[in-house]
Amino acid sequence: MLSKLLPGVSTDGYLSAILVAISLSLLNFIVRPILVILTLPVTIITLGIFLLVINAIIILLADWLVSGFEVDGLLWAFIFSLLLAIGRSILFQLLEKDKD
């Protein structure tokens, strides 16, 4: 969905989008904790904002892994990361309201 909104991000179709979602999930599960630990001092100094850069790096790794998914550089990966974080936050808040 974000690939339709951002001109610097594209997918070839739904299969590519599903593969991107799966690869992002796996990368967030395996690689992200390692990157967070390695960059902990910078993350603390920036009050957690550096985590968006880590997410952008994860998105660029997914770009490298999944054919049919293209991100035109770190800036677009960062914007993608920011919008993904906002969307995830909204979704979690909506799901939390349903529980109450």
PDB file of N, CA and C in Angstrom:
ATOM      1  N   MET A   1       0.825  -1.186   0.000  1.00  0.00           N
ATOM      2  CA  MET A   1       0.000   0.000   0.000  1.00  0.00           C
ATOM      3  C   MET A   1       0.872   1.254   0.000  1.00  0.00           C
ATOM      4  N   LEU A   2       1.930   1.227   0.789  1.00  0.00           N
ATOM      5  CA  LEU A   2       2.818   2.389   0.812  1.00  0.00           C
ATOM      6  C   LEU A   2       3.537   2.581  -0.512  1.00  0.00           C
ATOM      7  N   SER A   3       3.738   1.509  -1.246  1.00  0.00           N
ATOM      8  CA  SER A   3       4.411   1.643  -2.540  1.00  0.00           C
ATOM      9  C   SER A   3       3.554   2.419  -3.530  1.00  0.00           C
ATOM     10  N   LYS A   4       2.251   2.455  -3.306  1.00  0.00           N
ATOM     11  CA  LYS A   4       1.359   3.246  -4.163  1.00  0.00           C
ATOM     12  C   LYS A   4       1.425   4.727  -3.800  1.00  0.00           C
ATOM     13  N   LEU A   5       1.768   5.026  -2.551  1.00  0.00           N
ATOM     14  CA  LEU A   5       1.819   6.413  -2.084  1.00  0.00           C
ATOM     15  C   LEU A   5       3.166   7.085  -2.328  1.00  0.00           C
ATOM     16  N   LEU A   6       4.231   6.313  -2.288  1.00  0.00           N
ATOM     17  CA  LEU A   6       5.576   6.874  -2.384  1.00  0.00           C
ATOM     18  C   LEU A   6       6.163   6.624  -3.765  1.00  0.00           C
ATOM     19  N   PRO A   7       6.574   7.681  -4.463  1.00  0.00           N
ATOM     20  CA  PRO A   7       7.140   7.482  -5.798  1.00  0.00           C
ATOM     21  C   PRO A   7       8.499   6.785  -5.790  1.00  0.00           C
ATOM     22  N   GLY A   8       9.201   6.799  -4.676  1.00  0.00           N
ATOM     23  CA  GLY A   8      10.515   6.172  -4.606  1.00  0.00           C
ATOM     24  C   GLY A   8      10.490   4.719  -4.178  1.00  0.00           C
ATOM     25  N   VAL A   9       9.287   4.169  -4.003  1.00  0.00           N
ATOM     26  CA  VAL A   9       9.130   2.777  -3.579  1.00  0.00           C
ATOM     27  C   VAL A   9       8.159   2.108  -4.542  1.00  0.00           C
ATOM     28  N   SER A  10       8.541   0.933  -5.047  1.00  0.00           N
ATOM     29  CA  SER A  10       7.647   0.246  -5.982  1.00  0.00           C
ATOM     30  C   SER A  10       7.703  -1.262  -5.782  1.00  0.00           C
ATOM     31  N   THR A  11       6.579  -1.899  -6.089  1.00  0.00           N
ATOM     32  CA  THR A  11       6.496  -3.357  -6.098  1.00  0.00           C
ATOM     33  C   THR A  11       5.906  -3.787  -7.434  1.00  0.00           C
ATOM     34  N   ASP A  12       6.234  -4.994  -7.846  1.00  0.00           N
ATOM     35  CA  ASP A  12       5.722  -5.511  -9.115  1.00  0.00           C
ATOM     36  C   ASP A  12       4.297  -6.027  -9.011  1.00  0.00           C
ATOM     37  N   GLY A  13       3.829  -6.286  -7.831  1.00  0.00           N
ATOM     38  CA  GLY A  13       2.474  -6.809  -7.675  1.00  0.00           C
ATOM     39  C   GLY A  13       2.235  -7.292  -6.262  1.00  0.00           C
ATOM     40  N   TYR A  14       1.114  -7.976  -6.092  1.00  0.00           N
ATOM     41  CA  TYR A  14       0.732  -8.432  -4.760  1.00  0.00           C
ATOM     42  C   TYR A  14       1.678  -9.500  -4.216  1.00  0.00           C
ATOM     43  N   LEU A  15       2.156 -10.365  -5.072  1.00  0.00           N
ATOM     44  CA  LEU A  15       3.088 -11.394  -4.612  1.00  0.00           C
ATOM     45  C   LEU A  15       4.370 -10.762  -4.068  1.00  0.00           C
ATOM     46  N   SER A  16       4.877  -9.755  -4.768  1.00  0.00           N
ATOM     47  CA  SER A  16       6.069  -9.043  -4.281  1.00  0.00           C
ATOM     48  C   SER A  16       5.782  -8.366  -2.950  1.00  0.00           C
ATOM     49  N   ALA A  17       4.602  -7.772  -2.816  1.00  0.00           N
ATOM     50  CA  ALA A  17       4.237  -7.102  -1.566  1.00  0.00           C
ATOM     51  C   ALA A  17       4.162  -8.100  -0.412  1.00  0.00           C
ATOM     52  N   ILE A  18       3.621  -9.273  -0.681  1.00  0.00           N
ATOM     53  CA  ILE A  18       3.551 -10.310   0.356  1.00  0.00           C
ATOM     54  C   ILE A  18       4.954 -10.784   0.734  1.00  0.00           C
ATOM     55  N   LEU A  19       5.810 -10.966  -0.263  1.00  0.00           N
ATOM     56  CA  LEU A  19       7.193 -11.372   0.016  1.00  0.00           C
ATOM     57  C   LEU A  19       7.942 -10.296   0.797  1.00  0.00           C
ATOM     58  N   VAL A  20       7.663  -9.028   0.500  1.00  0.00           N
ATOM     59  CA  VAL A  20       8.281  -7.927   1.254  1.00  0.00           C
ATOM     60  C   VAL A  20       7.817  -7.973   2.704  1.00  0.00           C
ATOM     61  N   ALA A  21       6.525  -8.182   2.923  1.00  0.00           N
ATOM     62  CA  ALA A  21       6.004  -8.255   4.290  1.00  0.00           C
ATOM     63  C   ALA A  21       6.651  -9.402   5.064  1.00  0.00           C
ATOM     64  N   ILE A  22       6.794 -10.542   4.414  1.00  0.00           N
ATOM     65  CA  ILE A  22       7.423 -11.697   5.072  1.00  0.00           C
ATOM     66  C   ILE A  22       8.899 -11.423   5.360  1.00  0.00           C
ATOM     67  N   SER A  23       9.601 -10.858   4.376  1.00  0.00           N
ATOM     68  CA  SER A  23      11.028 -10.587   4.589  1.00  0.00           C
ATOM     69  C   SER A  23      11.232  -9.512   5.650  1.00  0.00           C
ATOM     70  N   LEU A  24      10.377  -8.484   5.672  1.00  0.00           N
ATOM     71  CA  LEU A  24      10.493  -7.461   6.715  1.00  0.00           C
ATOM     72  C   LEU A  24      10.250  -8.069   8.096  1.00  0.00           C
ATOM     73  N   SER A  25       9.289  -8.971   8.191  1.00  0.00           N
ATOM     74  CA  SER A  25       9.028  -9.633   9.472  1.00  0.00           C
ATOM     75  C   SER A  25      10.239 -10.439   9.930  1.00  0.00           C
ATOM     76  N   LEU A  26      10.810 -11.216   9.021  1.00  0.00           N
ATOM     77  CA  LEU A  26      11.981 -12.021   9.378  1.00  0.00           C
ATOM     78  C   LEU A  26      13.188 -11.152   9.722  1.00  0.00           C
ATOM     79  N   LEU A  27      13.412 -10.112   8.929  1.00  0.00           N
ATOM     80  CA  LEU A  27      14.542  -9.218   9.204  1.00  0.00           C
ATOM     81  C   LEU A  27      14.353  -8.487  10.530  1.00  0.00           C
ATOM     82  N   ASN A  28      13.122  -8.070  10.830  1.00  0.00           N
ATOM     83  CA  ASN A  28      12.857  -7.408  12.109  1.00  0.00           C
ATOM     84  C   ASN A  28      13.049  -8.366  13.276  1.00  0.00           C
ATOM     85  N   PHE A  29      12.804  -9.642  13.044  1.00  0.00           N
ATOM     86  CA  PHE A  29      12.956 -10.638  14.096  1.00  0.00           C
ATOM     87  C   PHE A  29      14.415 -11.033  14.308  1.00  0.00           C
ATOM     88  N   ILE A  30      15.187 -11.099  13.228  1.00  0.00           N
ATOM     89  CA  ILE A  30      16.558 -11.616  13.313  1.00  0.00           C
ATOM     90  C   ILE A  30      17.609 -10.503  13.338  1.00  0.00           C
ATOM     91  N   VAL A  31      17.560  -9.591  12.371  1.00  0.00           N
ATOM     92  CA  VAL A  31      18.631  -8.605  12.190  1.00  0.00           C
ATOM     93  C   VAL A  31      18.444  -7.372  13.073  1.00  0.00           C
ATOM     94  N   ARG A  32      17.209  -6.913  13.221  1.00  0.00           N
ATOM     95  CA  ARG A  32      16.960  -5.660  13.946  1.00  0.00           C
ATOM     96  C   ARG A  32      17.497  -5.684  15.384  1.00  0.00           C
ATOM     97  N   PRO A  33      17.272  -6.756  16.167  1.00  0.00           N
ATOM     98  CA  PRO A  33      17.825  -6.751  17.530  1.00  0.00           C
ATOM     99  C   PRO A  33      19.344  -6.602  17.563  1.00  0.00           C
ATOM    100  N   ILE A  34      20.022  -7.200  16.609  1.00  0.00           N
ATOM    101  CA  ILE A  34      21.484  -7.077  16.550  1.00  0.00           C
ATOM    102  C   ILE A  34      21.879  -5.634  16.265  1.00  0.00           C
ATOM    103  N   LEU A  35      21.192  -5.008  15.298  1.00  0.00           N
ATOM    104  CA  LEU A  35      21.495  -3.609  14.972  1.00  0.00           C
ATOM    105  C   LEU A  35      21.172  -2.677  16.135  1.00  0.00           C
ATOM    106  N   VAL A  36      20.095  -2.962  16.847  1.00  0.00           N
ATOM    107  CA  VAL A  36      19.727  -2.126  17.996  1.00  0.00           C
ATOM    108  C   VAL A  36      20.801  -2.208  19.074  1.00  0.00           C
ATOM    109  N   ILE A  37      21.291  -3.398  19.348  1.00  0.00           N
ATOM    110  CA  ILE A  37      22.336  -3.555  20.368  1.00  0.00           C
ATOM    111  C   ILE A  37      23.628  -2.865  19.933  1.00  0.00           C
ATOM    112  N   LEU A  38      24.002  -3.023  18.665  1.00  0.00           N
ATOM    113  CA  LEU A  38      25.243  -2.412  18.181  1.00  0.00           C
ATOM    114  C   LEU A  38      25.181  -0.887  18.167  1.00  0.00           C
ATOM    115  N   THR A  39      23.990  -0.335  17.993  1.00  0.00           N
ATOM    116  CA  THR A  39      23.855   1.126  17.908  1.00  0.00           C
ATOM    117  C   THR A  39      23.180   1.712  19.144  1.00  0.00           C
ATOM    118  N   LEU A  40      23.188   0.990  20.239  1.00  0.00           N
ATOM    119  CA  LEU A  40      22.508   1.439  21.448  1.00  0.00           C
ATOM    120  C   LEU A  40      22.945   2.821  21.932  1.00  0.00           C
ATOM    121  N   PRO A  41      24.244   3.141  21.965  1.00  0.00           N
ATOM    122  CA  PRO A  41      24.621   4.488  22.411  1.00  0.00           C
ATOM    123  C   PRO A  41      24.017   5.606  21.547  1.00  0.00           C
ATOM    124  N   VAL A  42      24.027   5.409  20.239  1.00  0.00           N
ATOM    125  CA  VAL A  42      23.454   6.423  19.340  1.00  0.00           C
ATOM    126  C   VAL A  42      21.946   6.508  19.541  1.00  0.00           C
ATOM    127  N   THR A  43      21.314   5.374  19.730  1.00  0.00           N
ATOM    128  CA  THR A  43      19.865   5.348  19.945  1.00  0.00           C
ATOM    129  C   THR A  43      19.502   6.075  21.231  1.00  0.00           C
ATOM    130  N   ILE A  44      20.289   5.893  22.273  1.00  0.00           N
ATOM    131  CA  ILE A  44      20.027   6.579  23.541  1.00  0.00           C
ATOM    132  C   ILE A  44      20.235   8.078  23.387  1.00  0.00           C
ATOM    133  N   ILE A  45      21.313   8.480  22.730  1.00  0.00           N
ATOM    134  CA  ILE A  45      21.598   9.911  22.545  1.00  0.00           C
ATOM    135  C   ILE A  45      20.497  10.593  21.741  1.00  0.00           C
ATOM    136  N   THR A  46      19.963   9.905  20.733  1.00  0.00           N
ATOM    137  CA  THR A  46      18.920  10.504  19.886  1.00  0.00           C
ATOM    138  C   THR A  46      17.515  10.233  20.420  1.00  0.00           C
ATOM    139  N   LEU A  47      17.428   9.696  21.628  1.00  0.00           N
ATOM    140  CA  LEU A  47      16.148   9.404  22.279  1.00  0.00           C
ATOM    141  C   LEU A  47      15.267   8.476  21.446  1.00  0.00           C
ATOM    142  N   GLY A  48      15.883   7.526  20.787  1.00  0.00           N
ATOM    143  CA  GLY A  48      15.157   6.513  20.039  1.00  0.00           C
ATOM    144  C   GLY A  48      14.881   6.833  18.588  1.00  0.00           C
ATOM    145  N   ILE A  49      15.177   8.051  18.161  1.00  0.00           N
ATOM    146  CA  ILE A  49      14.890   8.429  16.773  1.00  0.00           C
ATOM    147  C   ILE A  49      15.778   7.653  15.801  1.00  0.00           C
ATOM    148  N   PHE A  50      16.941   7.233  16.251  1.00  0.00           N
ATOM    149  CA  PHE A  50      17.831   6.462  15.381  1.00  0.00           C
ATOM    150  C   PHE A  50      17.218   5.117  14.993  1.00  0.00           C
ATOM    151  N   LEU A  51      16.222   4.667  15.745  1.00  0.00           N
ATOM    152  CA  LEU A  51      15.544   3.417  15.390  1.00  0.00           C
ATOM    153  C   LEU A  51      14.889   3.514  14.017  1.00  0.00           C
ATOM    154  N   LEU A  52      14.487   4.722  13.606  1.00  0.00           N
ATOM    155  CA  LEU A  52      13.936   4.902  12.258  1.00  0.00           C
ATOM    156  C   LEU A  52      14.998   4.640  11.198  1.00  0.00           C
ATOM    157  N   VAL A  53      16.239   5.009  11.494  1.00  0.00           N
ATOM    158  CA  VAL A  53      17.336   4.727  10.562  1.00  0.00           C
ATOM    159  C   VAL A  53      17.572   3.218  10.481  1.00  0.00           C
ATOM    160  N   ILE A  54      17.501   2.549  11.623  1.00  0.00           N
ATOM    161  CA  ILE A  54      17.644   1.090  11.626  1.00  0.00           C
ATOM    162  C   ILE A  54      16.529   0.457  10.802  1.00  0.00           C
ATOM    163  N   ASN A  55      15.306   0.959  10.962  1.00  0.00           N
ATOM    164  CA  ASN A  55      14.192   0.442  10.162  1.00  0.00           C
ATOM    165  C   ASN A  55      14.420   0.693   8.677  1.00  0.00           C
ATOM    166  N   ALA A  56      14.990   1.849   8.332  1.00  0.00           N
ATOM    167  CA  ALA A  56      15.290   2.148   6.926  1.00  0.00           C
ATOM    168  C   ALA A  56      16.329   1.168   6.383  1.00  0.00           C
ATOM    169  N   ILE A  57      17.312   0.827   7.194  1.00  0.00           N
ATOM    170  CA  ILE A  57      18.321  -0.151   6.776  1.00  0.00           C
ATOM    171  C   ILE A  57      17.674  -1.516   6.557  1.00  0.00           C
ATOM    172  N   ILE A  58      16.744  -1.887   7.430  1.00  0.00           N
ATOM    173  CA  ILE A  58      16.018  -3.151   7.272  1.00  0.00           C
ATOM    174  C   ILE A  58      15.227  -3.140   5.966  1.00  0.00           C
ATOM    175  N   ILE A  59      14.617  -2.013   5.634  1.00  0.00           N
ATOM    176  CA  ILE A  59      13.857  -1.895   4.383  1.00  0.00           C
ATOM    177  C   ILE A  59      14.786  -2.023   3.183  1.00  0.00           C
ATOM    178  N   LEU A  60      15.971  -1.428   3.262  1.00  0.00           N
ATOM    179  CA  LEU A  60      16.936  -1.570   2.170  1.00  0.00           C
ATOM    180  C   LEU A  60      17.420  -3.018   2.037  1.00  0.00           C
ATOM    181  N   LEU A  61      17.544  -3.718   3.155  1.00  0.00           N
ATOM    182  CA  LEU A  61      17.893  -5.142   3.089  1.00  0.00           C
ATOM    183  C   LEU A  61      16.783  -5.945   2.408  1.00  0.00           C
ATOM    184  N   ALA A  62      15.534  -5.597   2.711  1.00  0.00           N
ATOM    185  CA  ALA A  62      14.408  -6.273   2.052  1.00  0.00           C
ATOM    186  C   ALA A  62      14.415  -5.967   0.560  1.00  0.00           C
ATOM    187  N   ASP A  63      14.789  -4.743   0.194  1.00  0.00           N
ATOM    188  CA  ASP A  63      14.913  -4.371  -1.218  1.00  0.00           C
ATOM    189  C   ASP A  63      15.944  -5.255  -1.907  1.00  0.00           C
ATOM    190  N   TRP A  64      17.032  -5.509  -1.217  1.00  0.00           N
ATOM    191  CA  TRP A  64      18.097  -6.340  -1.777  1.00  0.00           C
ATOM    192  C   TRP A  64      17.664  -7.805  -1.894  1.00  0.00           C
ATOM    193  N   LEU A  65      16.858  -8.279  -0.946  1.00  0.00           N
ATOM    194  CA  LEU A  65      16.459  -9.684  -0.916  1.00  0.00           C
ATOM    195  C   LEU A  65      15.313 -10.027  -1.864  1.00  0.00           C
ATOM    196  N   VAL A  66      14.358  -9.120  -2.018  1.00  0.00           N
ATOM    197  CA  VAL A  66      13.130  -9.432  -2.760  1.00  0.00           C
ATOM    198  C   VAL A  66      13.192  -8.801  -4.139  1.00  0.00           C
ATOM    199  N   SER A  67      13.184  -9.642  -5.156  1.00  0.00           N
ATOM    200  CA  SER A  67      13.112  -9.091  -6.510  1.00  0.00           C
ATOM    201  C   SER A  67      11.672  -8.635  -6.741  1.00  0.00           C
ATOM    202  N   GLY A  68      11.517  -7.520  -7.415  1.00  0.00           N
ATOM    203  CA  GLY A  68      10.194  -6.950  -7.615  1.00  0.00           C
ATOM    204  C   GLY A  68       9.859  -5.883  -6.601  1.00  0.00           C
ATOM    205  N   PHE A  69      10.782  -5.615  -5.686  1.00  0.00           N
ATOM    206  CA  PHE A  69      10.614  -4.552  -4.695  1.00  0.00           C
ATOM    207  C   PHE A  69      11.789  -3.610  -4.839  1.00  0.00           C
ATOM    208  N   GLU A  70      11.515  -2.352  -5.108  1.00  0.00           N
ATOM    209  CA  GLU A  70      12.572  -1.366  -5.335  1.00  0.00           C
ATOM    210  C   GLU A  70      12.385  -0.160  -4.420  1.00  0.00           C
ATOM    211  N   VAL A  71      13.466   0.238  -3.774  1.00  0.00           N
ATOM    212  CA  VAL A  71      13.499   1.456  -2.974  1.00  0.00           C
ATOM    213  C   VAL A  71      14.630   2.299  -3.522  1.00  0.00           C
ATOM    214  N   ASP A  72      14.320   3.540  -3.880  1.00  0.00           N
ATOM    215  CA  ASP A  72      15.299   4.418  -4.527  1.00  0.00           C
ATOM    216  C   ASP A  72      16.149   5.181  -3.520  1.00  0.00           C
ATOM    217  N   GLY A  73      16.836   4.473  -2.638  1.00  0.00           N
ATOM    218  CA  GLY A  73      17.791   5.108  -1.745  1.00  0.00           C
ATOM    219  C   GLY A  73      17.345   5.183  -0.301  1.00  0.00           C
ATOM    220  N   LEU A  74      18.264   5.666   0.523  1.00  0.00           N
ATOM    221  CA  LEU A  74      18.049   5.725   1.966  1.00  0.00           C
ATOM    222  C   LEU A  74      16.938   6.696   2.339  1.00  0.00           C
ATOM    223  N   LEU A  75      16.813   7.809   1.628  1.00  0.00           N
ATOM    224  CA  LEU A  75      15.767   8.783   1.958  1.00  0.00           C
ATOM    225  C   LEU A  75      14.383   8.160   1.813  1.00  0.00           C
ATOM    226  N   TRP A  76      14.136   7.460   0.694  1.00  0.00           N
ATOM    227  CA  TRP A  76      12.837   6.827   0.495  1.00  0.00           C
ATOM    228  C   TRP A  76      12.624   5.697   1.495  1.00  0.00           C
ATOM    229  N   ALA A  77      13.678   4.998   1.852  1.00  0.00           N
ATOM    230  CA  ALA A  77      13.564   3.950   2.867  1.00  0.00           C
ATOM    231  C   ALA A  77      13.217   4.568   4.218  1.00  0.00           C
ATOM    232  N   PHE A  78      13.791   5.720   4.522  1.00  0.00           N
ATOM    233  CA  PHE A  78      13.501   6.416   5.776  1.00  0.00           C
ATOM    234  C   PHE A  78      12.051   6.887   5.803  1.00  0.00           C
ATOM    235  N   ILE A  79      11.581   7.473   4.702  1.00  0.00           N
ATOM    236  CA  ILE A  79      10.187   7.926   4.626  1.00  0.00           C
ATOM    237  C   ILE A  79       9.243   6.733   4.746  1.00  0.00           C
ATOM    238  N   PHE A  80       9.564   5.647   4.049  1.00  0.00           N
ATOM    239  CA  PHE A  80       8.788   4.407   4.135  1.00  0.00           C
ATOM    240  C   PHE A  80       8.744   3.925   5.582  1.00  0.00           C
ATOM    241  N   SER A  81       9.889   3.952   6.249  1.00  0.00           N
ATOM    242  CA  SER A  81       9.992   3.527   7.636  1.00  0.00           C
ATOM    243  C   SER A  81       9.130   4.394   8.546  1.00  0.00           C
ATOM    244  N   LEU A  82       9.177   5.697   8.331  1.00  0.00           N
ATOM    245  CA  LEU A  82       8.398   6.628   9.145  1.00  0.00           C
ATOM    246  C   LEU A  82       6.905   6.386   8.966  1.00  0.00           C
ATOM    247  N   LEU A  83       6.450   6.267   7.727  1.00  0.00           N
ATOM    248  CA  LEU A  83       5.032   6.027   7.468  1.00  0.00           C
ATOM    249  C   LEU A  83       4.591   4.659   7.983  1.00  0.00           C
ATOM    250  N   LEU A  84       5.459   3.681   7.879  1.00  0.00           N
ATOM    251  CA  LEU A  84       5.150   2.350   8.400  1.00  0.00           C
ATOM    252  C   LEU A  84       4.998   2.390   9.922  1.00  0.00           C
ATOM    253  N   ALA A  85       5.859   3.129  10.594  1.00  0.00           N
ATOM    254  CA  ALA A  85       5.776   3.257  12.050  1.00  0.00           C
ATOM    255  C   ALA A  85       4.496   3.980  12.462  1.00  0.00           C
ATOM    256  N   ILE A  86       4.127   5.017  11.726  1.00  0.00           N
ATOM    257  CA  ILE A  86       2.892   5.744  12.030  1.00  0.00           C
ATOM    258  C   ILE A  86       1.680   4.831  11.819  1.00  0.00           C
ATOM    259  N   GLY A  87       1.660   4.121  10.701  1.00  0.00           N
ATOM    260  CA  GLY A  87       0.553   3.209  10.426  1.00  0.00           C
ATOM    261  C   GLY A  87       0.440   2.102  11.460  1.00  0.00           C
ATOM    262  N   ARG A  88       1.578   1.556  11.857  1.00  0.00           N
ATOM    263  CA  ARG A  88       1.590   0.499  12.870  1.00  0.00           C
ATOM    264  C   ARG A  88       1.076   1.033  14.207  1.00  0.00           C
ATOM    265  N   SER A  89       1.465   2.249  14.560  1.00  0.00           N
ATOM    266  CA  SER A  89       1.012   2.854  15.805  1.00  0.00           C
ATOM    267  C   SER A  89      -0.504   3.062  15.798  1.00  0.00           C
ATOM    268  N   ILE A  90      -1.025   3.556  14.685  1.00  0.00           N
ATOM    269  CA  ILE A  90      -2.474   3.761  14.569  1.00  0.00           C
ATOM    270  C   ILE A  90      -3.205   2.424  14.662  1.00  0.00           C
ATOM    271  N   LEU A  91      -2.699   1.419  13.975  1.00  0.00           N
ATOM    272  CA  LEU A  91      -3.326   0.097  14.001  1.00  0.00           C
ATOM    273  C   LEU A  91      -3.328  -0.488  15.410  1.00  0.00           C
ATOM    274  N   PHE A  92      -2.217  -0.383  16.122  1.00  0.00           N
ATOM    275  CA  PHE A  92      -2.151  -0.908  17.481  1.00  0.00           C
ATOM    276  C   PHE A  92      -3.118  -0.169  18.399  1.00  0.00           C
ATOM    277  N   GLN A  93      -3.252   1.147  18.217  1.00  0.00           N
ATOM    278  CA  GLN A  93      -4.186   1.912  19.047  1.00  0.00           C
ATOM    279  C   GLN A  93      -5.626   1.496  18.771  1.00  0.00           C
ATOM    280  N   LEU A  94      -5.952   1.270  17.501  1.00  0.00           N
ATOM    281  CA  LEU A  94      -7.304   0.828  17.161  1.00  0.00           C
ATOM    282  C   LEU A  94      -7.591  -0.558  17.729  1.00  0.00           C
ATOM    283  N   LEU A  95      -6.628  -1.449  17.645  1.00  0.00           N
ATOM    284  CA  LEU A  95      -6.811  -2.790  18.191  1.00  0.00           C
ATOM    285  C   LEU A  95      -6.908  -2.773  19.708  1.00  0.00           C
ATOM    286  N   GLU A  96      -6.183  -1.863  20.345  1.00  0.00           N
ATOM    287  CA  GLU A  96      -6.232  -1.752  21.795  1.00  0.00           C
ATOM    288  C   GLU A  96      -7.588  -1.235  22.247  1.00  0.00           C
ATOM    289  N   LYS A  97      -8.187  -0.313  21.492  1.00  0.00           N
ATOM    290  CA  LYS A  97      -9.517   0.200  21.832  1.00  0.00           C
ATOM    291  C   LYS A  97     -10.567  -0.896  21.710  1.00  0.00           C
ATOM    292  N   ASP A  98     -10.393  -1.805  20.755  1.00  0.00           N
ATOM    293  CA  ASP A  98     -11.340  -2.902  20.597  1.00  0.00           C
ATOM    294  C   ASP A  98     -11.295  -3.861  21.782  1.00  0.00           C
ATOM    295  N   LYS A  99     -10.139  -3.995  22.419  1.00  0.00           N
ATOM    296  CA  LYS A  99     -10.018  -4.884  23.576  1.00  0.00           C
ATOM    297  C   LYS A  99     -10.759  -4.324  24.787  1.00  0.00           C
ATOM    298  N   ASP A 100     -10.783  -2.995  24.901  1.00  0.00           N
ATOM    299  CA  ASP A 100     -11.440  -2.360  26.060  1.00  0.00           C
ATOM    300  C   ASP A 100     -12.911  -2.371  25.866  1.00  0.00           C
TER     301      ASP A 100
END
